[in-house]
Amino acid sequence: MTASLLIVSFTDISKDPRAIKQVEAAAGRYDVTTCSFGPAPHPAVTHIELDPNGSYRTGRIMQQIDAIAREREFFGWTFDRIPFVRQLRGALKGRRFDAVIASNADAAYAAMKAVGPAPLHIDLHEFFPGVVFDDGSVEAQRQQRYLDWLLRSAARQATSSSTVSPLIAERYSSWGLAPTVITNSAPSLPLAPTPVSDPIRLVHSGNAQTGRGLRQLIRAVTRTQTPVHLDLYLVPNDEVFHAELVQLAADAGERVTLHPPVPRADLVPTLNKSDVGVFVLPPTTVNSELALPNKFFDFVQARLAVIIGPSAEMVALTRRHGLGIVTEDFSEDSLVAALDALTPEVVVEGKAASHRVAEELSGDQQPQQWTEIIDALVGGGSRPR
């Protein structure tokens, strides 16, 4: 009888490259069920689609009880009352699986409460306890304790785990985990560096969210003495902030072009038309401080030079391979200084370096990594947590 595997996430798996790799490594070899927002991610799986807009009506008394539970930090009660957690529990009620893969601690804990004991792999997409902006407020401190409780609750049930970078893996040891590092790197593509443009073409892609240095980036481009042009490919998931960026780009004139997002499959070839990938991520949270994002690896696959802020994981790879420029700090002035130091010669060297290490920094080995993790999990393997 074919072993059954549940892959669960509180995101849209069909748009999640990490989860897609897990599905592809298991589909056809195991009886795979996926449970997430969005459509089925693969034709060979049974899919349970969650409704991201689902909610539950509660009366005034129950609302008061919920408020008291949050204030007194009855975290178990609070978690069980989250609408999408209740929805998942209902969708999976009565089902049993030989193994479970969950994206992040919230999906892991919810799934195990729903389906009962099973070998569990948690794929931690970021430093989960570090996503809160700690402004010293009572609410921020409470949220931090809640995330700590949730991670400890999930980690106690984990057979194995994975995460996105070495520094984040080290941090998770405090919760008794020893995650396998699987970066958010893109598959290798047979591209080559393009000739440097005049003006030099800068590019940034990703979500239009505050806290990602996008205002500073646009303003720095308007201030630099170097002839540059910035192309932005942004997902408008924050409509108010996206509208602000539209206005900033318009104010910048010919130096900035704001494009619609491109499909994931077309992103790296689109970036390849540019010269320098730019991402200066302010460390507003611990998670931001430790970031090693997919866009960094996209820049490498696109054979671009890079300009990054002094984020430890990105700095290590940039300096080891000579990929480009690291700003002195995360300020707009430092970014302007980096752009002022940008020359065609620097860009040529950075693009050539990306070309040399594109295969090394690709995700080509990841399908085999996921296959090994899944086989060990389904077989009751003894990989470290």
Protein backbone atom coordinates (compact mmCIF):
# COMPACT_ATOMS: atom_id res chain seq x y z
CA MET A 1 0.00 0.00 0.00
CA THR A 2 1.36 3.43 -0.96
CA ALA A 3 2.29 5.61 2.01
CA SER A 4 0.26 8.78 2.48
CA LEU A 5 1.81 12.23 2.86
CA LEU A 6 0.15 15.50 3.84
CA ILE A 7 1.78 18.76 2.70
CA VAL A 8 0.15 21.68 4.49
CA SER A 9 0.63 25.45 4.44
CA PHE A 10 -1.19 28.64 5.38
CA THR A 11 -0.04 30.15 2.08
CA ASP A 12 -0.85 29.31 -1.54
CA ILE A 13 1.31 26.26 -2.27
CA SER A 14 0.89 26.72 -6.02
CA LYS A 15 2.81 30.02 -5.71
CA ASP A 16 5.38 28.84 -3.15
CA PRO A 17 8.59 27.58 -4.79
CA ARG A 18 9.72 25.70 -1.67
CA ALA A 19 6.44 23.87 -1.24
CA ILE A 20 6.22 23.15 -4.97
CA LYS A 21 9.60 21.39 -4.79
CA GLN A 22 8.28 19.25 -1.93
CA VAL A 23 5.18 18.34 -3.93
CA GLU A 24 7.21 17.48 -7.01
CA ALA A 25 9.59 15.30 -4.97
CA ALA A 26 6.69 13.28 -3.52
CA ALA A 27 3.99 13.21 -6.23
CA GLY A 28 3.80 9.89 -8.05
CA ARG A 29 5.81 8.08 -5.38
CA TYR A 30 3.45 8.65 -2.44
CA ASP A 31 -0.25 9.28 -1.99
CA VAL A 32 0.02 13.04 -1.56
CA THR A 33 -2.63 15.35 -0.14
CA THR A 34 -2.03 19.09 -0.14
CA CYS A 35 -3.93 21.49 2.09
CA SER A 36 -3.53 25.25 1.58
CA PHE A 37 -5.02 28.39 0.19
CA GLY A 38 -5.16 28.52 -3.62
CA PRO A 39 -5.67 25.85 -6.27
CA ALA A 40 -4.17 22.39 -6.52
CA PRO A 41 -0.41 22.70 -7.04
CA HIS A 42 0.02 19.49 -9.02
CA PRO A 43 -2.28 17.19 -11.03
CA ALA A 44 -1.16 14.08 -9.14
CA VAL A 45 -2.26 15.23 -5.67
CA THR A 46 -5.52 15.38 -3.76
CA HIS A 47 -6.01 19.01 -2.82
CA ILE A 48 -7.98 20.54 0.05
CA GLU A 49 -8.41 24.23 -0.62
CA LEU A 50 -8.73 26.60 2.33
CA ASP A 51 -10.57 29.90 2.02
CA PRO A 52 -8.26 32.83 2.91
CA ASN A 53 -11.33 35.01 3.52
CA GLY A 54 -13.05 32.53 5.78
CA SER A 55 -14.25 33.80 9.14
CA TYR A 56 -16.45 32.76 12.03
CA ARG A 57 -19.14 34.83 13.65
CA THR A 58 -19.05 35.06 17.42
CA GLY A 59 -21.36 36.67 19.91
CA ARG A 60 -20.45 39.46 22.29
CA ILE A 61 -19.77 37.13 25.22
CA MET A 62 -17.42 34.95 23.17
CA GLN A 63 -15.62 38.04 21.88
CA GLN A 64 -15.07 39.12 25.47
CA ILE A 65 -13.74 35.67 26.36
CA ASP A 66 -11.36 35.81 23.39
CA ALA A 67 -10.09 39.23 24.48
CA ILE A 68 -9.46 37.97 28.03
CA ALA A 69 -7.67 34.90 26.67
CA ARG A 70 -5.34 37.08 24.58
CA GLU A 71 -4.63 39.42 27.46
CA ARG A 72 -3.89 36.57 29.88
CA GLU A 73 -1.85 34.76 27.24
CA PHE A 74 -3.93 31.61 27.01
CA PHE A 75 -2.12 30.89 23.78
CA GLY A 76 -3.66 27.49 23.13
CA TRP A 77 -7.18 28.93 23.28
CA THR A 78 -6.21 31.89 21.11
CA PHE A 79 -4.56 29.70 18.46
CA ASP A 80 -7.50 27.31 18.25
CA ARG A 81 -9.87 30.24 17.68
CA ILE A 82 -8.01 31.58 14.61
CA PRO A 83 -10.46 31.22 11.67
CA PHE A 84 -8.07 29.50 9.26
CA VAL A 85 -6.90 27.12 12.01
CA ARG A 86 -10.50 26.12 12.68
CA GLN A 87 -11.06 25.76 8.96
CA LEU A 88 -8.04 23.46 8.59
CA ARG A 89 -9.12 21.37 11.55
CA GLY A 90 -12.55 20.88 10.00
CA ALA A 91 -11.11 20.05 6.58
CA LEU A 92 -8.76 17.40 7.96
CA LYS A 93 -11.06 15.95 10.61
CA GLY A 94 -10.93 12.15 10.65
CA ARG A 95 -8.05 11.90 8.18
CA ARG A 96 -4.80 10.12 9.01
CA PHE A 97 -1.45 10.27 7.21
CA ASP A 98 1.81 8.35 7.38
CA ALA A 99 3.80 11.61 7.41
CA VAL A 100 3.29 15.38 7.35
CA ILE A 101 5.30 18.26 5.88
CA ALA A 102 4.28 21.71 7.12
CA SER A 103 5.37 25.19 6.13
CA ASN A 104 6.27 27.03 9.33
CA ALA A 105 5.29 26.44 12.93
CA ASP A 106 1.66 27.55 12.71
CA ALA A 107 0.72 25.08 9.99
CA ALA A 108 2.75 22.34 11.70
CA TYR A 109 1.02 22.72 15.06
CA ALA A 110 -2.44 23.05 13.51
CA ALA A 111 -1.93 19.97 11.32
CA MET A 112 -0.72 17.77 14.14
CA LYS A 113 -3.69 18.72 16.30
CA ALA A 114 -5.98 17.89 13.38
CA VAL A 115 -4.57 14.57 12.14
CA GLY A 116 -2.92 13.14 15.24
CA PRO A 117 0.56 11.66 15.70
CA ALA A 118 2.66 11.21 12.56
CA PRO A 119 6.28 11.85 11.57
CA LEU A 120 6.46 15.62 11.02
CA HIS A 121 8.85 17.77 9.01
CA ILE A 122 8.69 21.53 9.58
CA ASP A 123 10.03 23.71 6.78
CA LEU A 124 10.75 27.06 8.44
CA HIS A 125 10.71 29.68 5.67
CA GLU A 126 12.19 32.38 7.89
CA PHE A 127 13.24 33.04 11.47
CA PHE A 128 9.71 32.62 12.78
CA PRO A 129 10.22 34.12 16.29
CA GLY A 130 11.88 37.18 14.75
CA VAL A 131 9.09 38.44 12.50
CA VAL A 132 7.73 40.85 15.12
CA PHE A 133 8.82 44.49 15.08
CA ASP A 134 9.85 44.97 18.72
CA ASP A 135 8.88 48.54 19.59
CA GLY A 136 8.95 47.77 23.30
CA SER A 137 5.17 47.81 23.56
CA VAL A 138 3.17 45.39 25.68
CA GLU A 139 1.52 44.02 22.55
CA ALA A 140 4.85 43.38 20.79
CA GLN A 141 6.23 41.56 23.83
CA ARG A 142 3.06 39.47 24.07
CA GLN A 143 3.28 38.60 20.39
CA GLN A 144 6.89 37.53 20.85
CA ARG A 145 5.94 35.20 23.71
CA TYR A 146 3.12 33.80 21.60
CA LEU A 147 5.46 32.99 18.70
CA ASP A 148 7.92 31.39 21.12
CA TRP A 149 5.12 29.23 22.56
CA LEU A 150 3.91 28.25 19.09
CA LEU A 151 7.38 27.29 17.88
CA ARG A 152 8.12 25.24 21.02
CA SER A 153 4.75 23.49 20.70
CA ALA A 154 5.45 22.56 17.08
CA ALA A 155 9.12 21.69 17.63
CA ARG A 156 8.25 19.13 20.31
CA GLN A 157 6.49 17.09 17.63
CA ALA A 158 9.04 17.50 14.85
CA THR A 159 10.89 14.53 13.41
CA SER A 160 13.00 16.78 11.16
CA SER A 161 13.19 20.37 10.02
CA SER A 162 14.68 22.66 7.39
CA THR A 163 15.24 26.37 6.94
CA VAL A 164 16.68 28.90 4.51
CA SER A 165 20.14 29.92 5.77
CA PRO A 166 22.98 28.87 8.09
CA LEU A 167 22.51 31.72 10.59
CA ILE A 168 18.80 31.05 10.93
CA ALA A 169 19.52 27.33 11.38
CA GLU A 170 21.88 28.20 14.24
CA ARG A 171 19.22 30.35 15.92
CA TYR A 172 16.72 27.50 15.87
CA SER A 173 18.97 25.38 18.11
CA SER A 174 17.46 27.28 21.06
CA TRP A 175 14.19 25.46 20.31
CA GLY A 176 15.82 22.04 20.06
CA LEU A 177 15.95 22.00 16.27
CA ALA A 178 18.86 21.28 13.92
CA PRO A 179 17.42 22.25 10.53
CA THR A 180 18.83 21.20 7.20
CA VAL A 181 19.71 24.33 5.21
CA ILE A 182 17.89 24.56 1.88
CA THR A 183 18.26 28.06 0.46
CA ASN A 184 15.68 29.92 -1.59
CA SER A 185 17.87 29.64 -4.65
CA ALA A 186 16.50 29.46 -8.18
CA PRO A 187 17.19 26.65 -10.68
CA SER A 188 20.15 27.28 -12.94
CA LEU A 189 19.41 28.78 -16.34
CA PRO A 190 21.69 28.84 -19.42
CA LEU A 191 22.04 32.63 -19.46
CA ALA A 192 25.05 34.88 -19.98
CA PRO A 193 25.87 38.37 -18.73
CA THR A 194 24.56 41.08 -21.03
CA PRO A 195 26.64 44.13 -22.03
CA VAL A 196 26.49 46.98 -19.54
CA SER A 197 23.88 49.55 -20.51
CA ASP A 198 24.26 53.31 -20.61
CA PRO A 199 22.79 54.42 -18.28
CA ILE A 200 23.49 51.46 -15.99
CA ARG A 201 20.26 49.54 -15.44
CA LEU A 202 19.42 48.81 -11.82
CA VAL A 203 16.63 46.41 -10.94
CA HIS A 204 14.62 45.32 -7.91
CA SER A 205 11.79 42.77 -7.80
CA GLY A 206 9.46 41.63 -5.04
CA ASN A 207 6.56 42.71 -2.90
CA ALA A 208 5.58 46.34 -2.53
CA GLN A 209 5.84 46.37 1.25
CA THR A 210 7.03 48.94 3.73
CA GLY A 211 10.21 48.05 5.57
CA ARG A 212 12.02 46.90 2.42
CA GLY A 213 13.86 50.13 1.71
CA LEU A 214 11.95 50.93 -1.48
CA ARG A 215 11.38 54.61 -0.72
CA GLN A 216 15.09 55.03 0.01
CA LEU A 217 16.00 53.17 -3.16
CA ILE A 218 13.93 55.44 -5.40
CA ARG A 219 15.22 58.58 -3.70
CA ALA A 220 18.84 57.37 -3.88
CA VAL A 221 18.49 56.82 -7.63
CA THR A 222 17.38 60.43 -8.05
CA ARG A 223 20.34 61.69 -5.98
CA THR A 224 23.30 59.73 -7.39
CA GLN A 225 25.78 61.32 -9.78
CA THR A 226 26.14 58.03 -11.68
CA PRO A 227 23.95 57.70 -14.80
CA VAL A 228 21.52 54.95 -13.77
CA HIS A 229 17.98 53.80 -14.48
CA LEU A 230 15.93 51.76 -11.99
CA ASP A 231 13.37 49.15 -13.06
CA LEU A 232 10.99 48.00 -10.32
CA TYR A 233 8.94 44.81 -10.75
CA LEU A 234 6.63 44.89 -7.75
CA VAL A 235 3.68 42.84 -6.54
CA PRO A 236 1.09 45.39 -5.32
CA ASN A 237 0.03 43.45 -2.22
CA ASP A 238 -0.15 46.65 -0.16
CA GLU A 239 -2.29 48.89 -2.35
CA VAL A 240 -1.78 52.05 -0.30
CA PHE A 241 2.00 51.71 -0.21
CA HIS A 242 2.11 50.69 -3.88
CA ALA A 243 0.25 53.89 -4.77
CA GLU A 244 2.85 55.86 -2.83
CA LEU A 245 5.62 54.16 -4.82
CA VAL A 246 3.83 54.94 -8.08
CA GLN A 247 3.91 58.61 -7.13
CA LEU A 248 7.57 58.48 -6.04
CA ALA A 249 8.50 56.81 -9.35
CA ALA A 250 6.59 59.46 -11.28
CA ASP A 251 8.34 62.21 -9.34
CA ALA A 252 11.71 60.60 -10.19
CA GLY A 253 11.04 61.14 -13.89
CA GLU A 254 13.01 59.17 -16.46
CA ARG A 255 15.29 57.53 -13.91
CA VAL A 256 12.66 55.12 -12.55
CA THR A 257 10.16 52.78 -14.24
CA LEU A 258 7.60 50.88 -12.19
CA HIS A 259 6.50 47.69 -13.98
CA PRO A 260 3.75 45.16 -13.22
CA PRO A 261 5.03 41.92 -11.68
CA VAL A 262 6.10 39.18 -14.08
CA PRO A 263 5.31 35.46 -13.69
CA ARG A 264 7.85 33.56 -11.63
CA ALA A 265 8.96 31.51 -14.65
CA ASP A 266 9.76 34.71 -16.57
CA LEU A 267 11.42 36.63 -13.75
CA VAL A 268 15.08 35.65 -14.09
CA PRO A 269 15.16 36.06 -17.91
CA THR A 270 13.53 39.49 -17.39
CA LEU A 271 16.17 40.46 -14.80
CA ASN A 272 18.90 39.33 -17.18
CA LYS A 273 18.22 42.43 -19.29
CA SER A 274 19.48 44.61 -16.42
CA ASP A 275 22.94 45.17 -14.94
CA VAL A 276 22.74 45.43 -11.13
CA GLY A 277 20.29 43.88 -8.67
CA VAL A 278 19.73 46.16 -5.66
CA PHE A 279 18.37 45.15 -2.26
CA VAL A 280 19.22 47.11 0.88
CA LEU A 281 16.92 45.59 3.52
CA PRO A 282 16.71 47.58 6.77
CA PRO A 283 16.98 45.26 9.82
CA THR A 284 13.65 46.32 11.29
CA THR A 285 13.16 42.81 12.71
CA VAL A 286 15.50 39.98 13.60
CA ASN A 287 14.09 38.10 10.63
CA SER A 288 15.09 40.94 8.29
CA GLU A 289 18.53 41.07 9.89
CA LEU A 290 19.10 37.38 9.09
CA ALA A 291 17.51 37.40 5.63
CA LEU A 292 18.91 35.46 2.68
CA PRO A 293 16.04 36.02 0.22
CA ASN A 294 15.19 34.41 -3.08
CA LYS A 295 15.78 37.70 -4.94
CA PHE A 296 19.49 37.53 -4.09
CA PHE A 297 19.76 34.18 -5.86
CA ASP A 298 17.56 35.47 -8.69
CA PHE A 299 20.11 38.25 -9.25
CA VAL A 300 22.90 35.67 -9.48
CA GLN A 301 21.00 33.46 -11.93
CA ALA A 302 20.26 36.57 -14.00
CA ARG A 303 24.05 37.18 -14.12
CA LEU A 304 23.79 40.58 -12.46
CA ALA A 305 26.17 42.47 -10.23
CA VAL A 306 24.62 43.29 -6.85
CA ILE A 307 24.37 46.16 -4.42
CA ILE A 308 23.23 45.02 -0.99
CA GLY A 309 23.11 46.35 2.54
CA PRO A 310 25.27 44.87 5.34
CA SER A 311 22.93 41.91 5.94
CA ALA A 312 25.20 39.15 7.24
CA GLU A 313 24.11 36.24 5.04
CA MET A 314 24.07 38.27 1.81
CA VAL A 315 27.38 39.93 2.70
CA ALA A 316 29.08 36.56 3.17
CA LEU A 317 28.17 35.38 -0.32
CA THR A 318 28.75 38.75 -1.99
CA ARG A 319 32.27 39.14 -0.61
CA ARG A 320 33.22 35.47 -1.00
CA HIS A 321 32.41 35.54 -4.70
CA GLY A 322 33.06 39.20 -5.57
CA LEU A 323 29.50 39.82 -6.70
CA GLY A 324 29.34 43.56 -6.13
CA ILE A 325 29.07 46.33 -3.55
CA VAL A 326 28.04 46.23 0.13
CA THR A 327 26.77 49.54 1.51
CA GLU A 328 28.30 50.89 4.73
CA ASP A 329 24.94 50.83 6.50
CA PHE A 330 21.24 50.72 5.63
CA SER A 331 20.74 54.45 5.17
CA GLU A 332 19.76 56.27 2.01
CA ASP A 333 23.04 58.20 2.12
CA SER A 334 25.04 54.96 2.12
CA LEU A 335 23.10 53.71 -0.87
CA VAL A 336 23.78 56.97 -2.69
CA ALA A 337 27.50 56.55 -1.93
CA ALA A 338 27.41 53.00 -3.32
CA LEU A 339 25.70 54.18 -6.49
CA ASP A 340 28.21 57.02 -6.83
CA ALA A 341 31.00 54.39 -6.70
CA LEU A 342 29.34 52.31 -9.43
CA THR A 343 31.26 52.20 -12.71
CA PRO A 344 30.86 50.06 -15.83
CA GLU A 345 34.06 48.22 -14.82
CA VAL A 346 32.59 47.32 -11.40
CA VAL A 347 29.42 46.11 -13.08
CA VAL A 348 31.32 43.95 -15.59
CA GLU A 349 33.29 42.31 -12.76
CA GLY A 350 30.16 41.62 -10.72
CA LYS A 351 28.25 40.19 -13.66
CA ALA A 352 31.19 37.94 -14.55
CA ALA A 353 31.37 36.73 -10.93
CA SER A 354 27.66 35.86 -10.92
CA HIS A 355 28.18 33.91 -14.14
CA ARG A 356 31.04 31.92 -12.57
CA VAL A 357 29.03 30.87 -9.49
CA ALA A 358 25.54 30.63 -11.02
CA GLU A 359 25.55 26.84 -11.00
CA GLU A 360 27.11 26.61 -7.54
CA LEU A 361 24.49 28.95 -6.03
CA SER A 362 21.56 27.42 -7.92
CA GLY A 363 18.83 25.23 -6.49
CA ASP A 364 19.64 22.30 -8.77
CA GLN A 365 20.48 19.97 -5.87
CA GLN A 366 17.30 20.74 -3.96
CA PRO A 367 15.00 18.15 -5.59
CA GLN A 368 17.36 15.45 -4.34
CA GLN A 369 17.49 17.06 -0.88
CA TRP A 370 13.71 17.04 -0.65
CA THR A 371 13.53 13.48 -1.90
CA GLU A 372 15.91 12.34 0.85
CA ILE A 373 14.03 14.26 3.55
CA ILE A 374 10.65 12.89 2.46
CA ASP A 375 11.87 9.31 2.15
CA ALA A 376 13.44 9.46 5.62
CA LEU A 377 10.27 10.98 7.03
CA VAL A 378 7.87 8.47 5.50
CA GLY A 379 10.20 5.66 6.50
CA GLY A 380 10.26 6.86 10.10
CA GLY A 381 13.82 8.06 9.57
CA SER A 382 16.05 9.43 12.29
CA ARG A 383 17.26 12.68 10.75
CA PRO A 384 18.03 15.32 13.41
CA ARG A 385 15.21 17.72 14.15
